């Protein structure tokens, strides 16, 4: 990998670093991302929030991360006429568009996989219509620069704010062919944290090495596992981003959608726990009490200097326009009404940013829900 001499090298093995350097060189042969054309929707932009969400009470803090899979999604959001199905009127300057570069295309073949060229087109059109809004790439864990799921897609696009890496078994396995020494997926917390550090370090290393990537941040979208400590993951992401110029730049969106599918109360409890992990370390030990050894969990407050910023945390909610209660996946069985209720519950617990993983049709229903409409009236 090409590195500046005054920067720390990412924690990659020599073989993986050589592979990545070759792939980055191949990327240079692709058409460069074009600069966004002149903006047409917004003119004067408010200050960009330091994290996903700005400070303030619930309505001011509420930030929507919106999934983009296709050019059709882009056209839905860049249409500002509600009478023709446009969704642009519901978007606020703090909202963030998430280009899902892992999208492999639809079965009919009418929507292509989100390769680097396609992702650049989506980002350019979004930035033209929404110059005040941030755009992030939701990337996979692959080193193949010519396919969807490439881990560094949009690293050089001038309109992109951050890169998020989807860290789950499917993406881990899909990228294994490009990284032979990777090994199989392991859900143990210590192993997951070690691998997350290595990967985010690699992404931040690329972002810190190329002038066209300056200003971008590296983040992670990990699975939701009760055994994992997401405060520690946030701290690790902060450290890996320090080469980019700040102490608390690590972004994280936890896959909490199954908790919302299980009920609003369940989601509220999970949101509270995750937010507390950004303030406390929970340590479970076996201690002897009453003549027997028992597992006891201790709570230790994190030092202010090393405490991650909760505005960098986004909770994930997946839902459908046509929910099926018997479906196995949260994205298929959760309704727009339940998604709205989960978002309000998460706000009450102190959350600010919510990654809504849903189609344009489902989002249209979400905007019409009273719980969301009160926070996000159309313009």
Protein backbone atom coordinates (compact mmCIF):
# COMPACT_ATOMS: atom_id res chain seq x y z
CA UNK A 1 0.00 0.00 0.00
CA UNK A 2 1.27 3.48 -0.83
CA UNK A 3 1.87 5.41 2.39
CA UNK A 4 3.16 8.82 3.33
CA UNK A 5 6.37 8.51 5.33
CA UNK A 6 5.04 10.55 8.26
CA UNK A 7 1.94 8.43 8.80
CA UNK A 8 1.42 5.23 10.75
CA UNK A 9 0.99 2.20 8.51
CA UNK A 10 -2.31 0.31 8.77
CA UNK A 11 -2.15 -3.00 10.59
CA UNK A 12 -2.14 -5.31 7.57
CA UNK A 13 0.16 -8.25 6.89
CA UNK A 14 2.79 -7.76 4.20
CA UNK A 15 0.96 -10.10 1.84
CA UNK A 16 -2.35 -8.32 2.30
CA UNK A 17 -0.65 -4.93 2.01
CA UNK A 18 0.96 -5.96 -1.29
CA UNK A 19 -2.38 -7.22 -2.57
CA UNK A 20 -4.10 -4.01 -1.59
CA UNK A 21 -1.41 -1.90 -3.24
CA UNK A 22 -1.95 -3.78 -6.50
CA UNK A 23 -5.69 -3.32 -6.28
CA UNK A 24 -5.41 0.38 -5.51
CA UNK A 25 -3.16 0.70 -8.56
CA UNK A 26 -5.84 -1.04 -10.61
CA UNK A 27 -8.41 1.41 -9.31
CA UNK A 28 -6.33 4.25 -10.71
CA UNK A 29 -7.07 2.87 -14.18
CA UNK A 30 -10.82 3.29 -13.64
CA UNK A 31 -12.60 6.50 -14.66
CA UNK A 32 -12.16 9.09 -11.89
CA UNK A 33 -15.22 10.18 -9.94
CA UNK A 34 -16.47 13.42 -11.39
CA UNK A 35 -17.04 16.46 -9.23
CA UNK A 36 -20.68 17.06 -8.32
CA UNK A 37 -22.44 19.43 -10.75
CA UNK A 38 -23.89 22.71 -9.60
CA UNK A 39 -26.34 22.29 -6.72
CA UNK A 40 -29.99 22.99 -7.38
CA UNK A 41 -31.87 22.28 -4.12
CA UNK A 42 -30.09 23.85 -1.16
CA UNK A 43 -27.95 26.97 -1.11
CA UNK A 44 -26.96 28.00 2.43
CA UNK A 45 -25.79 25.09 4.56
CA UNK A 46 -25.76 24.92 8.38
CA UNK A 47 -22.59 23.69 10.14
CA UNK A 48 -21.90 20.01 9.62
CA UNK A 49 -22.45 17.98 12.83
CA UNK A 50 -19.29 16.57 14.40
CA UNK A 51 -20.83 13.09 14.50
CA UNK A 52 -23.78 11.44 12.82
CA UNK A 53 -26.24 13.60 14.75
CA UNK A 54 -26.14 17.19 16.03
CA UNK A 55 -26.61 18.18 19.66
CA UNK A 56 -29.95 19.29 21.04
CA UNK A 57 -33.35 17.90 22.07
CA UNK A 58 -34.98 14.97 20.26
CA UNK A 59 -36.42 16.78 17.22
CA UNK A 60 -33.18 18.73 16.60
CA UNK A 61 -31.01 15.66 17.21
CA UNK A 62 -33.05 13.28 15.04
CA UNK A 63 -30.91 12.24 12.07
CA UNK A 64 -31.93 9.80 9.35
CA UNK A 65 -29.40 7.60 7.58
CA UNK A 66 -31.13 6.57 4.35
CA UNK A 67 -30.18 3.53 2.28
CA UNK A 68 -29.51 3.99 -1.43
CA UNK A 69 -29.25 0.87 -3.59
CA UNK A 70 -30.15 2.08 -7.08
CA UNK A 71 -30.48 5.08 -9.35
CA UNK A 72 -34.25 4.69 -8.90
CA UNK A 73 -33.77 5.37 -5.17
CA UNK A 74 -31.79 8.48 -6.03
CA UNK A 75 -34.55 9.73 -8.33
CA UNK A 76 -37.13 9.22 -5.58
CA UNK A 77 -35.20 11.41 -3.14
CA UNK A 78 -34.13 14.05 -5.65
CA UNK A 79 -37.79 14.51 -6.63
CA UNK A 80 -39.17 17.33 -4.46
CA UNK A 81 -42.78 17.00 -5.66
CA UNK A 82 -44.78 14.87 -3.22
CA UNK A 83 -47.67 14.68 -5.68
CA UNK A 84 -45.54 12.59 -8.03
CA UNK A 85 -44.11 10.42 -5.27
CA UNK A 86 -41.05 12.52 -4.50
CA UNK A 87 -39.38 12.11 -1.11
CA UNK A 88 -37.07 15.14 -1.21
CA UNK A 89 -39.35 17.33 0.89
CA UNK A 90 -38.82 15.18 3.98
CA UNK A 91 -35.03 15.38 3.96
CA UNK A 92 -33.26 17.71 6.40
CA UNK A 93 -29.67 19.02 6.13
CA UNK A 94 -28.38 16.75 8.94
CA UNK A 95 -29.64 13.60 7.19
CA UNK A 96 -27.16 11.22 5.58
CA UNK A 97 -27.46 9.16 2.41
CA UNK A 98 -25.88 5.71 2.67
CA UNK A 99 -24.86 4.25 -0.69
CA UNK A 100 -24.97 0.49 -0.28
CA UNK A 101 -22.01 -0.53 -2.43
CA UNK A 102 -22.63 -4.15 -1.44
CA UNK A 103 -25.82 -4.25 -3.57
CA UNK A 104 -25.40 -7.01 -6.16
CA UNK A 105 -28.20 -5.87 -8.49
CA UNK A 106 -31.77 -7.10 -8.75
CA UNK A 107 -32.90 -10.47 -10.05
CA UNK A 108 -34.50 -8.97 -13.15
CA UNK A 109 -31.20 -7.41 -14.14
CA UNK A 110 -32.71 -3.94 -14.49
CA UNK A 111 -30.58 -2.52 -11.66
CA UNK A 112 -26.83 -3.13 -11.85
CA UNK A 113 -24.47 -4.09 -9.03
CA UNK A 114 -23.07 -1.05 -7.21
CA UNK A 115 -19.52 -1.12 -8.49
CA UNK A 116 -17.21 1.88 -8.14
CA UNK A 117 -18.48 3.51 -11.34
CA UNK A 118 -22.15 3.07 -10.35
CA UNK A 119 -21.52 4.28 -6.79
CA UNK A 120 -19.77 7.41 -8.11
CA UNK A 121 -22.79 8.18 -10.30
CA UNK A 122 -25.19 7.80 -7.38
CA UNK A 123 -23.05 9.99 -5.13
CA UNK A 124 -22.69 12.70 -7.76
CA UNK A 125 -26.44 12.96 -8.37
CA UNK A 126 -27.24 13.02 -4.65
CA UNK A 127 -24.67 15.71 -3.95
CA UNK A 128 -26.01 17.86 -6.77
CA UNK A 129 -29.51 17.80 -5.28
CA UNK A 130 -28.47 17.88 -1.62
CA UNK A 131 -25.22 19.88 -1.25
CA UNK A 132 -25.76 20.27 2.51
CA UNK A 133 -26.26 16.58 3.17
CA UNK A 134 -23.54 14.07 3.85
CA UNK A 135 -23.00 10.87 1.89
CA UNK A 136 -21.31 7.72 3.14
CA UNK A 137 -20.37 4.52 1.40
CA UNK A 138 -21.52 1.28 3.04
CA UNK A 139 -18.80 -1.04 1.78
CA UNK A 140 -18.12 -4.74 2.03
CA UNK A 141 -14.92 -6.53 3.06
CA UNK A 142 -13.56 -7.39 -0.37
CA UNK A 143 -10.30 -6.36 -2.03
CA UNK A 144 -11.75 -6.71 -5.55
CA UNK A 145 -12.04 -3.16 -6.96
CA UNK A 146 -14.15 -4.26 -9.95
CA UNK A 147 -17.09 -5.78 -8.05
CA UNK A 148 -19.79 -4.72 -5.62
CA UNK A 149 -18.61 -5.11 -2.03
CA UNK A 150 -15.19 -3.55 -2.58
CA UNK A 151 -13.98 -2.28 0.79
CA UNK A 152 -12.67 1.08 -0.50
CA UNK A 153 -15.43 2.17 -2.87
CA UNK A 154 -15.90 5.97 -2.97
CA UNK A 155 -12.61 6.57 -1.14
CA UNK A 156 -11.74 9.29 -3.70
CA UNK A 157 -15.16 10.81 -4.41
CA UNK A 158 -15.16 14.52 -3.46
CA UNK A 159 -18.76 14.47 -2.23
CA UNK A 160 -18.40 11.56 0.21
CA UNK A 161 -18.02 12.19 3.96
CA UNK A 162 -17.13 8.73 5.30
CA UNK A 163 -16.72 5.04 4.54
CA UNK A 164 -18.52 2.45 6.67
CA UNK A 165 -17.51 -1.22 6.57
CA UNK A 166 -20.26 -3.81 6.92
CA UNK A 167 -18.87 -6.33 9.40
CA UNK A 168 -20.98 -9.49 9.35
CA UNK A 169 -20.56 -13.14 8.29
CA UNK A 170 -21.93 -12.62 4.76
CA UNK A 171 -19.49 -9.84 3.88
CA UNK A 172 -16.62 -11.55 5.65
CA UNK A 173 -17.13 -14.70 3.60
CA UNK A 174 -17.78 -12.84 0.35
CA UNK A 175 -14.39 -11.11 0.63
CA UNK A 176 -12.45 -14.23 1.58
CA UNK A 177 -11.62 -15.08 -2.04
CA UNK A 178 -9.66 -11.81 -2.29
CA UNK A 179 -7.88 -12.42 1.03
CA UNK A 180 -6.84 -16.11 1.22
CA UNK A 181 -5.35 -15.85 4.71
CA UNK A 182 -8.49 -14.41 6.27
CA UNK A 183 -9.94 -17.56 7.82
CA UNK A 184 -13.57 -18.24 8.63
CA UNK A 185 -15.99 -16.00 10.50
CA UNK A 186 -15.59 -16.03 14.28
CA UNK A 187 -18.22 -14.49 16.55
CA UNK A 188 -16.06 -14.37 19.69
CA UNK A 189 -15.82 -10.82 21.02
CA UNK A 190 -12.01 -10.77 21.30
CA UNK A 191 -11.53 -12.12 17.81
CA UNK A 192 -14.12 -9.76 16.35
CA UNK A 193 -12.54 -6.72 18.01
CA UNK A 194 -9.08 -7.67 16.76
CA UNK A 195 -10.33 -8.10 13.21
CA UNK A 196 -12.33 -4.87 13.34
CA UNK A 197 -9.25 -2.94 14.46
CA UNK A 198 -7.19 -4.37 11.62
CA UNK A 199 -9.83 -3.62 8.99
CA UNK A 200 -10.69 -0.08 10.11
CA UNK A 201 -6.96 0.61 10.39
CA UNK A 202 -6.55 -0.41 6.76
CA UNK A 203 -9.40 1.84 5.59
CA UNK A 204 -8.17 4.84 7.59
CA UNK A 205 -4.69 4.19 6.22
CA UNK A 206 -5.97 4.53 2.66
CA UNK A 207 -7.99 7.64 3.54
CA UNK A 208 -4.95 9.21 5.16
CA UNK A 209 -2.62 8.41 2.26
CA UNK A 210 -4.41 9.98 -0.70
CA UNK A 211 -5.04 13.74 -1.03
CA UNK A 212 -8.38 13.02 -2.75
CA UNK A 213 -9.52 11.20 0.42
CA UNK A 214 -8.67 13.99 2.87
CA UNK A 215 -11.48 14.81 5.27
CA UNK A 216 -13.16 11.41 5.06
CA UNK A 217 -13.64 9.17 8.09
CA UNK A 218 -13.66 5.41 8.60
CA UNK A 219 -16.40 3.62 10.49
CA UNK A 220 -17.91 0.20 11.00
CA UNK A 221 -21.34 -1.44 10.88
CA UNK A 222 -20.98 -4.53 13.10
CA UNK A 223 -23.40 -7.32 13.88
CA UNK A 224 -25.41 -6.97 17.08
CA UNK A 225 -24.17 -9.55 19.57
CA UNK A 226 -24.86 -9.26 23.31
CA UNK A 227 -21.37 -10.62 24.02
CA UNK A 228 -19.65 -7.76 22.21
CA UNK A 229 -18.74 -4.45 23.82
CA UNK A 230 -19.62 -1.68 21.36
CA UNK A 231 -18.04 0.99 23.52
CA UNK A 232 -14.69 -0.77 23.04
CA UNK A 233 -15.33 -0.98 19.30
CA UNK A 234 -16.07 2.75 19.26
CA UNK A 235 -12.84 3.47 21.14
CA UNK A 236 -10.90 1.34 18.65
CA UNK A 237 -12.50 3.20 15.72
CA UNK A 238 -11.57 6.52 17.35
CA UNK A 239 -7.93 5.47 17.63
CA UNK A 240 -7.76 4.26 14.04
CA UNK A 241 -9.14 7.62 12.85
CA UNK A 242 -6.64 9.79 14.73
CA UNK A 243 -4.35 9.83 11.72
CA UNK A 244 -7.17 11.73 9.98
CA UNK A 245 -6.96 14.66 12.39
CA UNK A 246 -9.27 14.23 15.39
CA UNK A 247 -9.76 12.34 18.66
CA UNK A 248 -13.37 11.20 18.28
CA UNK A 249 -13.99 10.48 14.61
CA UNK A 250 -14.88 6.78 14.81
CA UNK A 251 -18.35 6.11 13.38
CA UNK A 252 -20.42 3.05 14.27
CA UNK A 253 -23.87 1.82 13.24
CA UNK A 254 -24.89 -1.32 15.13
CA UNK A 255 -27.27 -3.81 13.46
CA UNK A 256 -30.07 -3.47 16.01
CA UNK A 257 -32.89 -4.21 13.56
CA UNK A 258 -33.78 -7.57 15.10
CA UNK A 259 -34.51 -5.87 18.42
CA UNK A 260 -37.01 -3.56 16.74
CA UNK A 261 -38.62 -6.54 15.01
CA UNK A 262 -39.02 -8.15 18.45
CA UNK A 263 -40.90 -5.12 19.81
CA UNK A 264 -40.49 -1.50 20.80
CA UNK A 265 -39.72 -2.36 24.41
CA UNK A 266 -36.94 -4.69 23.29
CA UNK A 267 -35.47 -2.01 21.03
CA UNK A 268 -35.64 0.61 23.76
CA UNK A 269 -33.72 -1.65 26.14
CA UNK A 270 -31.07 -2.40 23.54
CA UNK A 271 -30.65 1.29 22.72
CA UNK A 272 -30.17 2.09 26.40
CA UNK A 273 -27.54 -0.62 26.79
CA UNK A 274 -25.55 0.48 23.75
CA UNK A 275 -25.56 4.12 24.82
CA UNK A 276 -24.38 3.09 28.29
CA UNK A 277 -21.48 1.16 26.75
CA UNK A 278 -20.26 4.50 25.42
CA UNK A 279 -19.98 5.69 29.05
CA UNK A 280 -19.17 2.56 31.06
CA UNK A 281 -17.18 -0.66 30.77
CA UNK A 282 -19.13 -3.72 31.92
CA UNK A 283 -16.87 -6.44 33.32
CA UNK A 284 -18.19 -9.88 34.25
CA UNK A 285 -16.19 -11.93 36.75
CA UNK A 286 -16.73 -15.08 38.79
CA UNK A 287 -16.62 -14.22 42.49
CA UNK A 288 -17.23 -16.29 45.59
CA UNK A 289 -20.34 -15.26 47.49
CA UNK A 290 -22.09 -17.32 50.13
CA UNK A 291 -19.68 -20.19 49.62
CA UNK A 292 -20.45 -20.41 45.88
CA UNK A 293 -18.85 -18.88 42.81
CA UNK A 294 -21.21 -16.67 40.86
CA UNK A 295 -20.95 -14.45 37.80
CA UNK A 296 -21.16 -10.80 38.77
CA UNK A 297 -21.08 -7.83 36.36
CA UNK A 298 -19.28 -4.70 37.50
CA UNK A 299 -19.75 -1.26 35.98
CA UNK A 300 -16.69 0.95 35.52
CA UNK A 301 -17.00 4.53 34.25
CA UNK A 302 -14.81 5.34 31.27
CA UNK A 303 -12.38 8.20 31.61
CA UNK A 304 -13.57 11.33 29.87
CA UNK A 305 -10.48 11.47 27.68
CA UNK A 306 -11.08 8.00 26.23
CA UNK A 307 -14.88 8.10 26.21
CA UNK A 308 -16.36 7.76 22.68
CA UNK A 309 -18.87 10.30 21.41
CA UNK A 310 -22.44 8.99 21.39
CA UNK A 311 -23.28 11.24 18.45
CA UNK A 312 -21.10 8.89 16.38
CA UNK A 313 -23.50 6.00 17.06
CA UNK A 314 -26.41 5.11 14.76
CA UNK A 315 -28.98 2.45 15.59
CA UNK A 316 -30.31 0.39 12.70
CA UNK A 317 -33.98 -0.18 11.89
CA UNK A 318 -35.03 -2.36 8.93
CA UNK A 319 -38.63 -2.60 7.74
CA UNK A 320 -40.90 -3.24 4.78
CA UNK A 321 -43.80 -1.59 2.97
CA UNK A 322 -45.51 -5.02 2.96
CA UNK A 323 -44.45 -6.65 6.25
CA UNK A 324 -44.94 -10.36 6.86
CA UNK A 325 -45.03 -11.19 10.59
CA UNK A 326 -43.92 -14.74 9.80
CA UNK A 327 -40.84 -13.70 7.85
CA UNK A 328 -37.45 -14.59 9.24
CA UNK A 329 -35.64 -11.31 8.53
CA UNK A 330 -36.34 -8.02 10.28
CA UNK A 331 -36.36 -6.15 6.96
CA UNK A 332 -39.26 -8.33 5.78
CA UNK A 333 -41.40 -8.57 8.91
CA UNK A 334 -41.18 -5.12 10.52
CA UNK A 335 -43.80 -2.52 9.58
CA UNK A 336 -43.30 1.21 9.01
CA UNK A 337 -45.45 1.90 12.08
CA UNK A 338 -43.23 -0.23 14.28
CA UNK A 339 -40.11 1.32 12.78
CA UNK A 340 -41.44 4.77 13.69
CA UNK A 341 -42.22 3.64 17.23
CA UNK A 342 -38.69 2.21 17.62
CA UNK A 343 -37.14 5.47 16.44
CA UNK A 344 -39.12 7.52 18.95
CA UNK A 345 -38.20 5.08 21.72
CA UNK A 346 -34.52 5.30 20.78
CA UNK A 347 -34.67 9.11 20.82
CA UNK A 348 -36.15 9.08 24.31
CA UNK A 349 -33.23 6.97 25.51
CA UNK A 350 -30.72 9.46 24.14
CA UNK A 351 -30.08 8.21 20.62
CA UNK A 352 -29.90 10.65 17.74
CA UNK A 353 -29.06 8.86 14.50
CA UNK A 354 -31.01 5.96 13.00
CA UNK A 355 -30.02 4.00 9.91
CA UNK A 356 -33.28 3.14 8.14
CA UNK A 357 -32.51 0.14 5.96
CA UNK A 358 -35.58 0.07 3.73
CA UNK A 359 -36.87 0.61 0.20
CA UNK A 360 -38.14 3.94 -1.07
CA UNK A 361 -41.72 2.63 -0.86
CA UNK A 362 -41.26 1.68 2.78
CA UNK A 363 -39.64 5.04 3.58
CA UNK A 364 -42.60 6.82 2.00
CA UNK A 365 -44.86 5.06 4.51
CA UNK A 366 -42.47 5.88 7.35
CA UNK A 367 -42.61 9.61 6.62
CA UNK A 368 -46.40 9.45 6.87
CA UNK A 369 -46.38 7.86 10.33
CA UNK A 370 -47.51 10.42 12.97
CA UNK A 371 -44.51 9.62 15.20
CA UNK A 372 -42.12 10.54 12.37
CA UNK A 373 -44.22 13.26 10.74
CA UNK A 374 -44.18 15.20 14.01
CA UNK A 375 -40.37 15.18 13.94
CA UNK A 376 -40.02 15.54 10.20
CA UNK A 377 -42.88 17.58 8.63
CA UNK A 378 -42.62 17.83 4.83
CA UNK A 379 -41.52 21.11 3.27
